[in-house]
C-alpha atoms as a PDB file:
ATOM      1  CA  MET A   1      30.623  56.613  31.810  1.00  0.00           C
ATOM      2  CA  ASN A   2      32.870  54.028  30.274  1.00  0.00           C
ATOM      3  CA  PRO A   3      32.104  53.807  26.526  1.00  0.00           C
ATOM      4  CA  GLY A   4      32.896  50.080  26.662  1.00  0.00           C
ATOM      5  CA  PHE A   5      29.643  49.513  28.553  1.00  0.00           C
ATOM      6  CA  ALA A   6      27.413  51.675  26.350  1.00  0.00           C
ATOM      7  CA  VAL A   7      24.488  49.976  24.676  1.00  0.00           C
ATOM      8  CA  PRO A   8      25.391  49.432  20.989  1.00  0.00           C
ATOM      9  CA  LEU A   9      23.395  51.279  18.336  1.00  0.00           C
ATOM     10  CA  PRO A  10      21.925  48.126  16.697  1.00  0.00           C
ATOM     11  CA  VAL A  11      20.512  47.135  20.094  1.00  0.00           C
ATOM     12  CA  LEU A  12      18.745  50.461  20.533  1.00  0.00           C
ATOM     13  CA  LEU A  13      17.405  50.476  16.983  1.00  0.00           C
ATOM     14  CA  SER A  14      16.138  46.900  17.185  1.00  0.00           C
ATOM     15  CA  LEU A  15      14.468  47.576  20.547  1.00  0.00           C
ATOM     16  CA  LEU A  16      12.709  50.598  19.024  1.00  0.00           C
ATOM     17  CA  VAL A  17      11.514  48.440  16.119  1.00  0.00           C
ATOM     18  CA  ALA A  18      10.328  45.754  18.573  1.00  0.00           C
ATOM     19  CA  LEU A  19       8.442  48.355  20.615  1.00  0.00           C
ATOM     20  CA  ALA A  20       6.836  49.662  17.421  1.00  0.00           C
ATOM     21  CA  LEU A  21       5.882  46.132  16.320  1.00  0.00           C
ATOM     22  CA  SER A  22       4.271  45.547  19.702  1.00  0.00           C
ATOM     23  CA  ILE A  23       1.775  48.365  19.121  1.00  0.00           C
ATOM     24  CA  VAL A  24       1.105  48.023  15.390  1.00  0.00           C
ATOM     25  CA  PRO A  25      -2.651  47.517  14.994  1.00  0.00           C
ATOM     26  CA  LEU A  26      -3.611  44.047  13.811  1.00  0.00           C
ATOM     27  CA  PRO A  27      -6.997  42.649  12.783  1.00  0.00           C
ATOM     28  CA  GLU A  28      -8.917  41.289  15.753  1.00  0.00           C
ATOM     29  CA  ALA A  29      -8.744  37.753  14.407  1.00  0.00           C
ATOM     30  CA  ILE A  30      -4.942  37.613  14.576  1.00  0.00           C
ATOM     31  CA  ALA A  31      -4.195  40.153  17.313  1.00  0.00           C
ATOM     32  CA  PRO A  32      -3.885  37.470  20.031  1.00  0.00           C
ATOM     33  CA  LEU A  33      -1.196  35.736  17.938  1.00  0.00           C
ATOM     34  CA  ARG A  34       1.194  38.706  18.173  1.00  0.00           C
ATOM     35  CA  PRO A  35       4.630  37.430  19.232  1.00  0.00           C
ATOM     36  CA  GLU A  36       6.518  38.941  22.134  1.00  0.00           C
ATOM     37  CA  TRP A  37       8.776  41.055  19.915  1.00  0.00           C
ATOM     38  CA  VAL A  38      10.498  42.915  22.737  1.00  0.00           C
ATOM     39  CA  LEU A  39      11.342  39.750  24.629  1.00  0.00           C
ATOM     40  CA  LEU A  40      12.698  38.100  21.471  1.00  0.00           C
ATOM     41  CA  VAL A  41      15.001  41.047  20.808  1.00  0.00           C
ATOM     42  CA  LEU A  42      16.128  41.230  24.430  1.00  0.00           C
ATOM     43  CA  VAL A  43      16.905  37.513  24.512  1.00  0.00           C
ATOM     44  CA  TYR A  44      19.064  37.774  21.403  1.00  0.00           C
ATOM     45  CA  TRP A  45      21.012  40.814  22.592  1.00  0.00           C
ATOM     46  CA  GLY A  46      21.344  39.354  26.083  1.00  0.00           C
ATOM     47  CA  MET A  47      23.048  36.346  24.523  1.00  0.00           C
ATOM     48  CA  ALA A  48      25.175  38.454  22.164  1.00  0.00           C
ATOM     49  CA  PHE A  49      26.230  41.243  24.568  1.00  0.00           C
ATOM     50  CA  PRO A  50      25.595  39.957  28.103  1.00  0.00           C
ATOM     51  CA  ARG A  51      27.701  42.716  29.706  1.00  0.00           C
ATOM     52  CA  ARG A  52      26.006  45.536  27.822  1.00  0.00           C
ATOM     53  CA  VAL A  53      22.416  44.323  27.544  1.00  0.00           C
ATOM     54  CA  GLY A  54      21.263  43.138  30.909  1.00  0.00           C
ATOM     55  CA  ILE A  55      18.630  43.557  33.540  1.00  0.00           C
ATOM     56  CA  LEU A  56      18.701  47.367  33.518  1.00  0.00           C
ATOM     57  CA  VAL A  57      18.125  47.544  29.755  1.00  0.00           C
ATOM     58  CA  ALA A  58      15.289  45.022  30.110  1.00  0.00           C
ATOM     59  CA  PHE A  59      13.753  47.025  32.969  1.00  0.00           C
ATOM     60  CA  VAL A  60      13.843  50.352  31.096  1.00  0.00           C
ATOM     61  CA  THR A  61      12.484  48.711  27.941  1.00  0.00           C
ATOM     62  CA  GLY A  62       9.728  47.154  30.048  1.00  0.00           C
ATOM     63  CA  LEU A  63       8.782  50.579  31.400  1.00  0.00           C
ATOM     64  CA  PHE A  64       8.440  51.864  27.840  1.00  0.00           C
ATOM     65  CA  LEU A  65       6.319  48.817  27.003  1.00  0.00           C
ATOM     66  CA  ASP A  66       4.106  49.472  30.051  1.00  0.00           C
ATOM     67  CA  VAL A  67       3.483  53.021  28.896  1.00  0.00           C
ATOM     68  CA  LEU A  68       2.815  51.988  25.288  1.00  0.00           C
ATOM     69  CA  HIS A  69       0.306  49.299  26.285  1.00  0.00           C
ATOM     70  CA  HIS A  70      -1.266  51.217  29.186  1.00  0.00           C
ATOM     71  CA  HIS A  71      -0.397  48.395  31.580  1.00  0.00           C
ATOM     72  CA  LEU A  72       0.250  48.674  35.260  1.00  0.00           C
ATOM     73  CA  LEU A  73       3.536  50.610  35.491  1.00  0.00           C
ATOM     74  CA  GLY A  74       6.270  48.103  36.210  1.00  0.00           C
ATOM     75  CA  GLN A  75       4.391  45.000  35.059  1.00  0.00           C
ATOM     76  CA  ASN A  76       6.396  44.442  31.879  1.00  0.00           C
ATOM     77  CA  ALA A  77       9.489  45.923  33.496  1.00  0.00           C
ATOM     78  CA  LEU A  78       9.371  43.221  36.165  1.00  0.00           C
ATOM     79  CA  THR A  79       8.662  40.350  33.790  1.00  0.00           C
ATOM     80  CA  LEU A  80      11.318  41.378  31.263  1.00  0.00           C
ATOM     81  CA  SER A  81      13.880  41.909  34.022  1.00  0.00           C
ATOM     82  CA  LEU A  82      13.258  38.445  35.436  1.00  0.00           C
ATOM     83  CA  ALA A  83      13.403  36.900  31.964  1.00  0.00           C
ATOM     84  CA  MET A  84      16.700  38.703  31.312  1.00  0.00           C
ATOM     85  CA  PHE A  85      18.037  37.394  34.611  1.00  0.00           C
ATOM     86  CA  VAL A  86      17.297  33.871  33.409  1.00  0.00           C
ATOM     87  CA  VAL A  87      18.912  34.593  30.023  1.00  0.00           C
ATOM     88  CA  LEU A  88      22.047  35.916  31.700  1.00  0.00           C
ATOM     89  CA  GLN A  89      22.272  32.735  33.751  1.00  0.00           C
ATOM     90  CA  ILE A  90      21.943  30.349  30.804  1.00  0.00           C
ATOM     91  CA  TYR A  91      23.400  32.286  27.859  1.00  0.00           C
ATOM     92  CA  PRO A  92      26.726  30.350  27.680  1.00  0.00           C
ATOM     93  CA  ARG A  93      24.795  27.128  27.113  1.00  0.00           C
ATOM     94  CA  MET A  94      22.102  28.696  24.996  1.00  0.00           C
ATOM     95  CA  ARG A  95      24.623  30.166  22.543  1.00  0.00           C
ATOM     96  CA  VAL A  96      25.829  26.699  21.535  1.00  0.00           C
ATOM     97  CA  PHE A  97      22.315  25.288  21.056  1.00  0.00           C
ATOM     98  CA  PRO A  98      21.008  24.929  17.517  1.00  0.00           C
ATOM     99  CA  VAL A  99      18.383  27.545  16.663  1.00  0.00           C
ATOM    100  CA  TRP A 100      15.491  25.106  17.074  1.00  0.00           C
ATOM    101  CA  GLN A 101      16.583  24.304  20.643  1.00  0.00           C
ATOM    102  CA  GLN A 102      16.939  28.016  21.328  1.00  0.00           C
ATOM    103  CA  ALA A 103      13.336  28.371  20.133  1.00  0.00           C
ATOM    104  CA  VAL A 104      12.256  25.886  22.808  1.00  0.00           C
ATOM    105  CA  VAL A 105      14.062  27.952  25.456  1.00  0.00           C
ATOM    106  CA  VAL A 106      12.466  31.116  24.056  1.00  0.00           C
ATOM    107  CA  ALA A 107       9.031  29.484  24.256  1.00  0.00           C
ATOM    108  CA  SER A 108       9.740  28.643  27.897  1.00  0.00           C
ATOM    109  CA  LEU A 109      10.780  32.233  28.600  1.00  0.00           C
ATOM    110  CA  VAL A 110       7.657  33.605  26.924  1.00  0.00           C
ATOM    111  CA  ALA A 111       5.508  31.180  28.931  1.00  0.00           C
ATOM    112  CA  PHE A 112       7.326  32.292  32.095  1.00  0.00           C
ATOM    113  CA  THR A 113       6.680  35.976  31.385  1.00  0.00           C
ATOM    114  CA  ARG A 114       3.050  35.300  30.455  1.00  0.00           C
ATOM    115  CA  LEU A 115       2.617  33.379  33.709  1.00  0.00           C
ATOM    116  CA  LEU A 116       4.066  36.303  35.679  1.00  0.00           C
ATOM    117  CA  GLN A 117       1.799  38.728  33.828  1.00  0.00           C
ATOM    118  CA  ILE A 118      -1.300  36.626  34.488  1.00  0.00           C
ATOM    119  CA  TRP A 119      -0.344  36.535  38.157  1.00  0.00           C
ATOM    120  CA  ILE A 120       0.029  40.335  38.272  1.00  0.00           C
ATOM    121  CA  GLN A 121      -3.199  40.852  36.327  1.00  0.00           C
ATOM    122  CA  GLY A 122      -5.042  38.433  38.603  1.00  0.00           C
ATOM    123  CA  ALA A 123      -3.801  40.320  41.653  1.00  0.00           C
ATOM    124  CA  THR A 124      -5.193  43.544  40.183  1.00  0.00           C
ATOM    125  CA  GLY A 125      -8.490  41.937  39.141  1.00  0.00           C
ATOM    126  CA  LEU A 126      -7.832  41.685  35.393  1.00  0.00           C
ATOM    127  CA  PRO A 127      -7.510  37.981  34.506  1.00  0.00           C
ATOM    128  CA  PRO A 128      -7.165  37.012  30.819  1.00  0.00           C
ATOM    129  CA  ASP A 129     -10.347  36.478  28.878  1.00  0.00           C
ATOM    130  CA  SER A 130      -9.503  33.405  26.782  1.00  0.00           C
ATOM    131  CA  ILE A 131      -7.074  30.604  26.053  1.00  0.00           C
ATOM    132  CA  TRP A 132      -5.632  32.758  23.244  1.00  0.00           C
ATOM    133  CA  TYR A 133      -3.673  34.545  25.970  1.00  0.00           C
ATOM    134  CA  TRP A 134      -1.043  31.790  25.627  1.00  0.00           C
ATOM    135  CA  SER A 135      -0.726  31.917  21.820  1.00  0.00           C
ATOM    136  CA  PRO A 136       2.360  34.223  21.851  1.00  0.00           C
ATOM    137  CA  VAL A 137       4.305  31.305  23.343  1.00  0.00           C
ATOM    138  CA  ILE A 138       3.966  29.419  20.069  1.00  0.00           C
ATOM    139  CA  THR A 139       4.231  32.363  17.669  1.00  0.00           C
ATOM    140  CA  SER A 140       7.334  33.696  19.417  1.00  0.00           C
ATOM    141  CA  ALA A 141       9.021  30.295  19.238  1.00  0.00           C
ATOM    142  CA  LEU A 142       8.153  29.967  15.559  1.00  0.00           C
ATOM    143  CA  LEU A 143       9.535  33.426  14.771  1.00  0.00           C
ATOM    144  CA  TRP A 144      12.702  33.018  16.862  1.00  0.00           C
ATOM    145  CA  PRO A 145      14.821  31.662  13.963  1.00  0.00           C
ATOM    146  CA  VAL A 146      13.859  34.655  11.792  1.00  0.00           C
ATOM    147  CA  VAL A 147      14.590  37.183  14.552  1.00  0.00           C
ATOM    148  CA  TYR A 148      17.829  35.396  15.418  1.00  0.00           C
ATOM    149  CA  HIS A 149      19.166  35.505  11.850  1.00  0.00           C
ATOM    150  CA  ILE A 150      18.113  39.116  11.219  1.00  0.00           C
ATOM    151  CA  LEU A 151      19.727  40.366  14.428  1.00  0.00           C
ATOM    152  CA  ARG A 152      22.841  38.231  13.939  1.00  0.00           C
ATOM    153  CA  ASP A 153      23.329  39.710  10.473  1.00  0.00           C
ATOM    154  CA  ALA A 154      22.782  43.235  11.816  1.00  0.00           C
ATOM    155  CA  ARG A 155      25.338  42.617  14.567  1.00  0.00           C
ATOM    156  CA  ARG A 156      27.907  41.286  12.092  1.00  0.00           C
ATOM    157  CA  ARG A 157      27.455  44.273   9.756  1.00  0.00           C
ATOM    158  CA  TRP A 158      27.772  46.676  12.674  1.00  0.00           C
ATOM    159  CA  LEU A 159      30.941  44.973  13.924  1.00  0.00           C
ATOM    160  CA  LEU A 160      32.415  45.122  10.406  1.00  0.00           C
ATOM    161  CA  HIS A 161      31.836  48.884  10.336  1.00  0.00           C
ATOM    162  CA  LEU A 162      33.774  49.244  13.582  1.00  0.00           C
ATOM    163  CA  THR A 163      36.895  47.551  12.215  1.00  0.00           C
END
């Protein structure tokens, strides 16, 4: 395997943190507001390292997310892979957007993945139970600037260690 195409260590660590944040127990009152941590991290790294973090990384991460959440195997893998496909198509433009415009794109991606998940859940007979199903669209967009700056700083520190 060519080491130039290996997934960088900060990507793996941040994906592990995102997976952990996706299963941290929250009080019932705020549990529906949980942002889509894994998607946020994948979007950032897809923009930063489009040749190293792509559809395969999103698919494998989605499989881990399916297992952690006891979802239909492949449900999150499919939605994250399709979202990463979109990111890889638009990342040159998205990288030059200000962070607030990136947050709008992130909200659209979260809405897209939630729509795909509701379609899959409806096909299996498990539709969502309330309007709160859509709340991660807003919380993910609001947290995008924080995630963006944390991961950008981590990437810069990691690149400084390499030189």
